[in-house]
Protein backbone atom coordinates (compact mmCIF):
# COMPACT_ATOMS: atom_id res chain seq x y z
CA UNK A 1 46.08 21.05 85.55
CA UNK A 2 46.45 21.38 89.31
CA UNK A 3 45.50 17.34 89.38
CA UNK A 4 48.58 16.62 87.24
CA UNK A 5 50.62 19.11 89.36
CA UNK A 6 49.82 17.13 92.45
CA UNK A 7 50.85 13.64 91.06
CA UNK A 8 53.97 14.67 89.64
CA UNK A 9 56.76 15.05 91.98
CA UNK A 10 58.41 18.35 92.03
CA UNK A 11 61.65 17.09 93.85
CA UNK A 12 64.70 16.91 91.45
CA UNK A 13 62.48 18.24 88.47
CA UNK A 14 63.01 21.72 87.14
CA UNK A 15 59.77 24.01 86.69
CA UNK A 16 60.28 23.83 82.73
CA UNK A 17 60.67 19.91 82.75
CA UNK A 18 57.67 19.63 84.96
CA UNK A 19 55.32 21.68 82.83
CA UNK A 20 56.73 19.56 79.81
CA UNK A 21 56.03 16.22 81.95
CA UNK A 22 52.34 17.46 82.66
CA UNK A 23 51.46 18.31 78.99
CA UNK A 24 52.84 14.66 78.10
CA UNK A 25 50.36 13.32 80.78
CA UNK A 26 47.39 15.36 79.67
CA UNK A 27 48.03 14.33 76.09
CA UNK A 28 48.19 10.59 76.87
CA UNK A 29 45.03 11.03 78.86
CA UNK A 30 43.15 12.49 75.99
CA UNK A 31 44.20 9.72 73.53
CA UNK A 32 43.04 7.13 76.03
CA UNK A 33 39.54 8.65 76.59
CA UNK A 34 39.02 9.22 72.86
CA UNK A 35 40.01 5.53 71.87
CA UNK A 36 37.65 4.28 74.37
CA UNK A 37 35.02 6.05 72.36
CA UNK A 38 33.39 7.39 75.59
CA UNK A 39 30.15 9.16 74.43
CA UNK A 40 30.89 8.64 70.85
CA UNK A 41 28.88 6.86 68.11
CA UNK A 42 29.74 4.03 65.78
CA UNK A 43 29.62 5.14 61.94
CA UNK A 44 26.49 3.93 60.47
CA UNK A 45 26.93 2.38 57.23
CA UNK A 46 24.28 3.19 54.49
CA UNK A 47 22.01 0.15 53.48
CA UNK A 48 22.97 -0.94 49.97
CA UNK A 49 20.96 0.65 47.05
CA UNK A 50 18.40 -1.57 45.19
CA UNK A 51 19.42 -3.51 42.48
CA UNK A 52 17.09 -2.64 39.49
CA UNK A 53 17.48 -5.17 36.99
CA UNK A 54 19.28 -8.30 35.49
CA UNK A 55 20.21 -9.08 31.80
CA UNK A 56 21.56 -11.93 30.08
CA UNK A 57 20.15 -11.93 26.47
CA UNK A 58 21.99 -14.77 24.58
CA UNK A 59 21.33 -13.38 21.45
CA UNK A 60 19.69 -16.61 20.23
CA UNK A 61 16.65 -17.46 18.05
CA UNK A 62 13.27 -16.27 18.97
CA UNK A 63 11.49 -12.93 19.21
CA UNK A 64 11.45 -10.97 22.39
CA UNK A 65 8.15 -10.44 24.49
CA UNK A 66 7.90 -8.07 27.38
CA UNK A 67 5.51 -8.76 30.34
CA UNK A 68 4.77 -6.04 32.74
CA UNK A 69 3.29 -6.90 36.39
CA UNK A 70 1.43 -3.65 37.69
CA UNK A 71 1.29 -5.00 41.48
CA UNK A 72 5.16 -5.92 41.59
CA UNK A 73 5.92 -3.23 39.24
CA UNK A 74 8.36 -5.65 37.39
CA UNK A 75 8.98 -6.43 33.78
CA UNK A 76 10.03 -9.89 32.51
CA UNK A 77 11.76 -10.17 29.26
CA UNK A 78 11.91 -13.12 27.20
CA UNK A 79 13.21 -14.27 23.64
CA UNK A 80 11.72 -17.41 22.19
CA UNK A 81 10.02 -18.25 25.57
CA UNK A 82 13.36 -18.20 27.35
CA UNK A 83 14.04 -15.50 29.95
CA UNK A 84 16.53 -13.04 29.28
CA UNK A 85 16.05 -10.39 31.59
CA UNK A 86 13.78 -8.58 34.18
CA UNK A 87 13.46 -4.87 35.62
CA UNK A 88 11.75 -2.96 38.16
CA UNK A 89 9.41 -0.15 36.38
CA UNK A 90 7.45 2.59 37.42
CA UNK A 91 4.11 2.81 35.92
CA UNK A 92 1.41 5.49 36.48
CA UNK A 93 0.72 6.68 39.98
CA UNK A 94 -2.57 7.17 41.42
CA UNK A 95 -4.80 9.35 39.14
CA UNK A 96 -2.57 8.48 36.05
CA UNK A 97 -2.92 4.88 36.37
CA UNK A 98 -1.42 2.55 33.69
CA UNK A 99 -4.02 0.47 31.83
CA UNK A 100 -3.70 -3.28 31.77
CA UNK A 101 -4.00 -4.90 28.29
CA UNK A 102 -2.10 -6.59 25.48
CA UNK A 103 0.02 -4.01 23.19
CA UNK A 104 2.41 -3.96 20.37
CA UNK A 105 5.09 -1.54 20.16
CA UNK A 106 4.22 1.08 17.49
CA UNK A 107 7.13 3.43 17.43
CA UNK A 108 10.84 3.56 18.44
CA UNK A 109 12.33 7.17 18.96
CA UNK A 110 15.80 7.17 20.78
CA UNK A 111 15.41 10.93 21.68
CA UNK A 112 12.12 12.01 22.75
CA UNK A 113 10.73 14.79 24.75
CA UNK A 114 7.22 15.00 26.30
CA UNK A 115 4.65 16.95 24.73
CA UNK A 116 2.62 17.10 27.91
CA UNK A 117 4.70 17.16 31.11
CA UNK A 118 7.94 18.68 32.40
CA UNK A 119 9.12 21.21 34.89
CA UNK A 120 9.88 24.94 35.32
CA UNK A 121 13.39 26.15 36.18
CA UNK A 122 14.83 29.52 37.12
CA UNK A 123 17.58 31.01 35.29
CA UNK A 124 20.11 29.32 37.28
CA UNK A 125 18.54 25.91 36.40
CA UNK A 126 17.00 25.15 39.81
CA UNK A 127 13.98 23.20 39.59
CA UNK A 128 10.72 25.38 41.17
CA UNK A 129 7.83 23.28 40.02
CA UNK A 130 8.57 19.76 39.28
CA UNK A 131 5.22 18.55 38.16
CA UNK A 132 4.63 21.31 35.35
CA UNK A 133 2.44 20.69 32.38
CA UNK A 134 2.30 22.40 28.81
CA UNK A 135 0.27 25.42 29.12
CA UNK A 136 1.06 26.31 33.04
CA UNK A 137 1.84 29.89 33.47
CA UNK A 138 5.84 30.31 33.51
CA UNK A 139 6.88 33.20 35.83
CA UNK A 140 9.12 35.85 34.49
CA UNK A 141 12.77 35.02 34.16
CA UNK A 142 11.98 31.33 34.24
CA UNK A 143 11.36 28.62 31.40
CA UNK A 144 9.41 25.55 30.90
CA UNK A 145 11.59 22.27 30.22
CA UNK A 146 10.00 19.28 28.69
CA UNK A 147 10.36 15.93 30.29
CA UNK A 148 13.13 13.74 28.55
CA UNK A 149 11.61 10.16 27.42
CA UNK A 150 14.96 8.63 26.16
CA UNK A 151 14.82 5.29 24.19
CA UNK A 152 10.89 5.85 23.49
CA UNK A 153 8.81 2.78 22.79
CA UNK A 154 5.22 3.82 22.03
CA UNK A 155 2.41 1.33 22.92
CA UNK A 156 -0.69 3.42 22.31
CA UNK A 157 -2.02 6.20 20.01
CA UNK A 158 -2.59 8.50 23.34
CA UNK A 159 0.84 8.74 24.29
CA UNK A 160 1.56 5.80 26.62
CA UNK A 161 5.06 4.04 25.97
CA UNK A 162 8.27 2.66 27.50
CA UNK A 163 11.01 4.76 28.03
CA UNK A 164 14.05 5.40 30.27
CA UNK A 165 13.67 7.26 33.66
CA UNK A 166 13.96 7.32 37.53
CA UNK A 167 12.43 4.51 39.71
CA UNK A 168 12.37 6.71 42.80
CA UNK A 169 10.96 3.76 45.12
CA UNK A 170 11.32 0.15 43.52
CA UNK A 171 7.98 -1.59 43.61
CA UNK A 172 5.93 1.61 43.69
CA UNK A 173 4.21 3.55 40.65
CA UNK A 174 5.37 7.09 39.98
CA UNK A 175 5.05 8.09 36.45
CA UNK A 176 2.15 9.95 34.70
CA UNK A 177 1.08 6.79 32.97
CA UNK A 178 4.13 5.75 30.80
CA UNK A 179 6.39 2.72 31.82
CA UNK A 180 9.64 4.03 32.97
CA UNK A 181 12.56 1.35 32.85
CA UNK A 182 16.10 1.81 34.49
CA UNK A 183 18.27 4.03 32.62
CA UNK A 184 21.19 1.80 32.29
CA UNK A 185 18.93 -0.95 30.95
CA UNK A 186 16.74 0.96 28.50
CA UNK A 187 19.12 0.87 25.48
CA UNK A 188 19.58 -2.83 25.98
CA UNK A 189 15.74 -3.30 25.69
CA UNK A 190 15.45 -0.71 23.01
CA UNK A 191 17.90 -2.82 20.86
CA UNK A 192 16.29 -6.08 21.09
CA UNK A 193 12.65 -5.07 20.48
CA UNK A 194 11.17 -3.99 17.33
CA UNK A 195 8.13 -2.48 15.97
CA UNK A 196 5.36 -5.14 16.65
CA UNK A 197 7.14 -6.47 19.59
CA UNK A 198 4.27 -7.84 21.93
CA UNK A 199 4.01 -6.02 25.59
CA UNK A 200 1.68 -7.53 27.91
CA UNK A 201 0.43 -5.39 31.05
CA UNK A 202 -1.24 -7.46 33.76
CA UNK A 203 -2.67 -7.17 37.28
CA UNK A 204 -1.25 -10.66 38.00
CA UNK A 205 2.12 -10.88 40.05
CA UNK A 206 5.44 -11.17 38.43
CA UNK A 207 6.43 -14.66 37.62
CA UNK A 208 9.89 -13.48 38.67
CA UNK A 209 9.27 -11.78 41.87
CA UNK A 210 10.80 -8.79 43.54
CA UNK A 211 14.51 -9.43 44.15
CA UNK A 212 17.47 -9.02 46.52
CA UNK A 213 20.67 -10.91 45.43
CA UNK A 214 22.88 -12.64 47.91
CA UNK A 215 25.87 -10.29 49.46
CA UNK A 216 28.45 -11.79 47.23
CA UNK A 217 26.13 -10.74 44.16
CA UNK A 218 24.94 -7.31 45.27
CA UNK A 219 26.24 -4.46 43.63
CA UNK A 220 26.47 -1.06 45.37
CA UNK A 221 24.84 0.79 42.90
CA UNK A 222 21.04 1.44 42.20
CA UNK A 223 21.76 0.96 38.50
CA UNK A 224 23.66 -2.46 38.87
CA UNK A 225 22.61 -5.51 37.26
CA UNK A 226 22.03 -9.06 39.01
CA UNK A 227 21.62 -12.56 37.34
CA UNK A 228 18.13 -13.68 36.71
CA UNK A 229 16.95 -16.05 39.34
CA UNK A 230 18.36 -14.29 42.35
CA UNK A 231 16.24 -15.15 45.55
CA UNK A 232 12.85 -13.61 45.96
CA UNK A 233 12.13 -10.75 48.45
CA UNK A 234 9.46 -8.68 48.77
CA UNK A 235 17.60 13.19 39.67
CA UNK A 236 15.20 15.41 40.87
CA UNK A 237 13.15 16.51 37.50
CA UNK A 238 10.15 14.42 36.91
CA UNK A 239 9.39 12.31 33.95
CA UNK A 240 6.16 11.16 32.36
């Protein structure tokens, strides 16, 4: 304040007007300094979320087949030999590895829950144990919740199949042995496969490859779809 009083002449200015003028000068200075961004940081934009699948089934002739690459964690979908889609998957993590082999879909159930895995939540619905199993001790006042496995497509007699679920880190295994498909894609796959549809799970790399679409095609949604053939590039509760 003293600085501004020195630079403003006192001649011909009443005390009231002089104080008003000092206030205007101080306000203008604050605006100038803030607009220059002294000491400020530019807002950081979050990177776009990964695209998890692409789908363009033509509905034409031919039966659907599924091929899943374990190292790339990518599924490829074909109809009569024609590519109709791709997706990231999440197969079994360490200690629960998904076995390679040739399978056929044995059963389809749209609304299924795991009889092995789930979580424990308190009376408010907060998850207190995110990796619980059937038979685990449940503290008083809490409950065990079986993990949902929507659009279940069974592959083995010992409980391994494909179903909708979280893909927490695209390209990395995350399940208890099942093959999780992106939640928005799994109803589409469920509709085009049948009991008997062949599913190949292999240690070979994906023929499609991990994808990162060009900027004009990239969707700011982890559930967004992108056309097949894009350029190559390398909720809290658990699910089987």
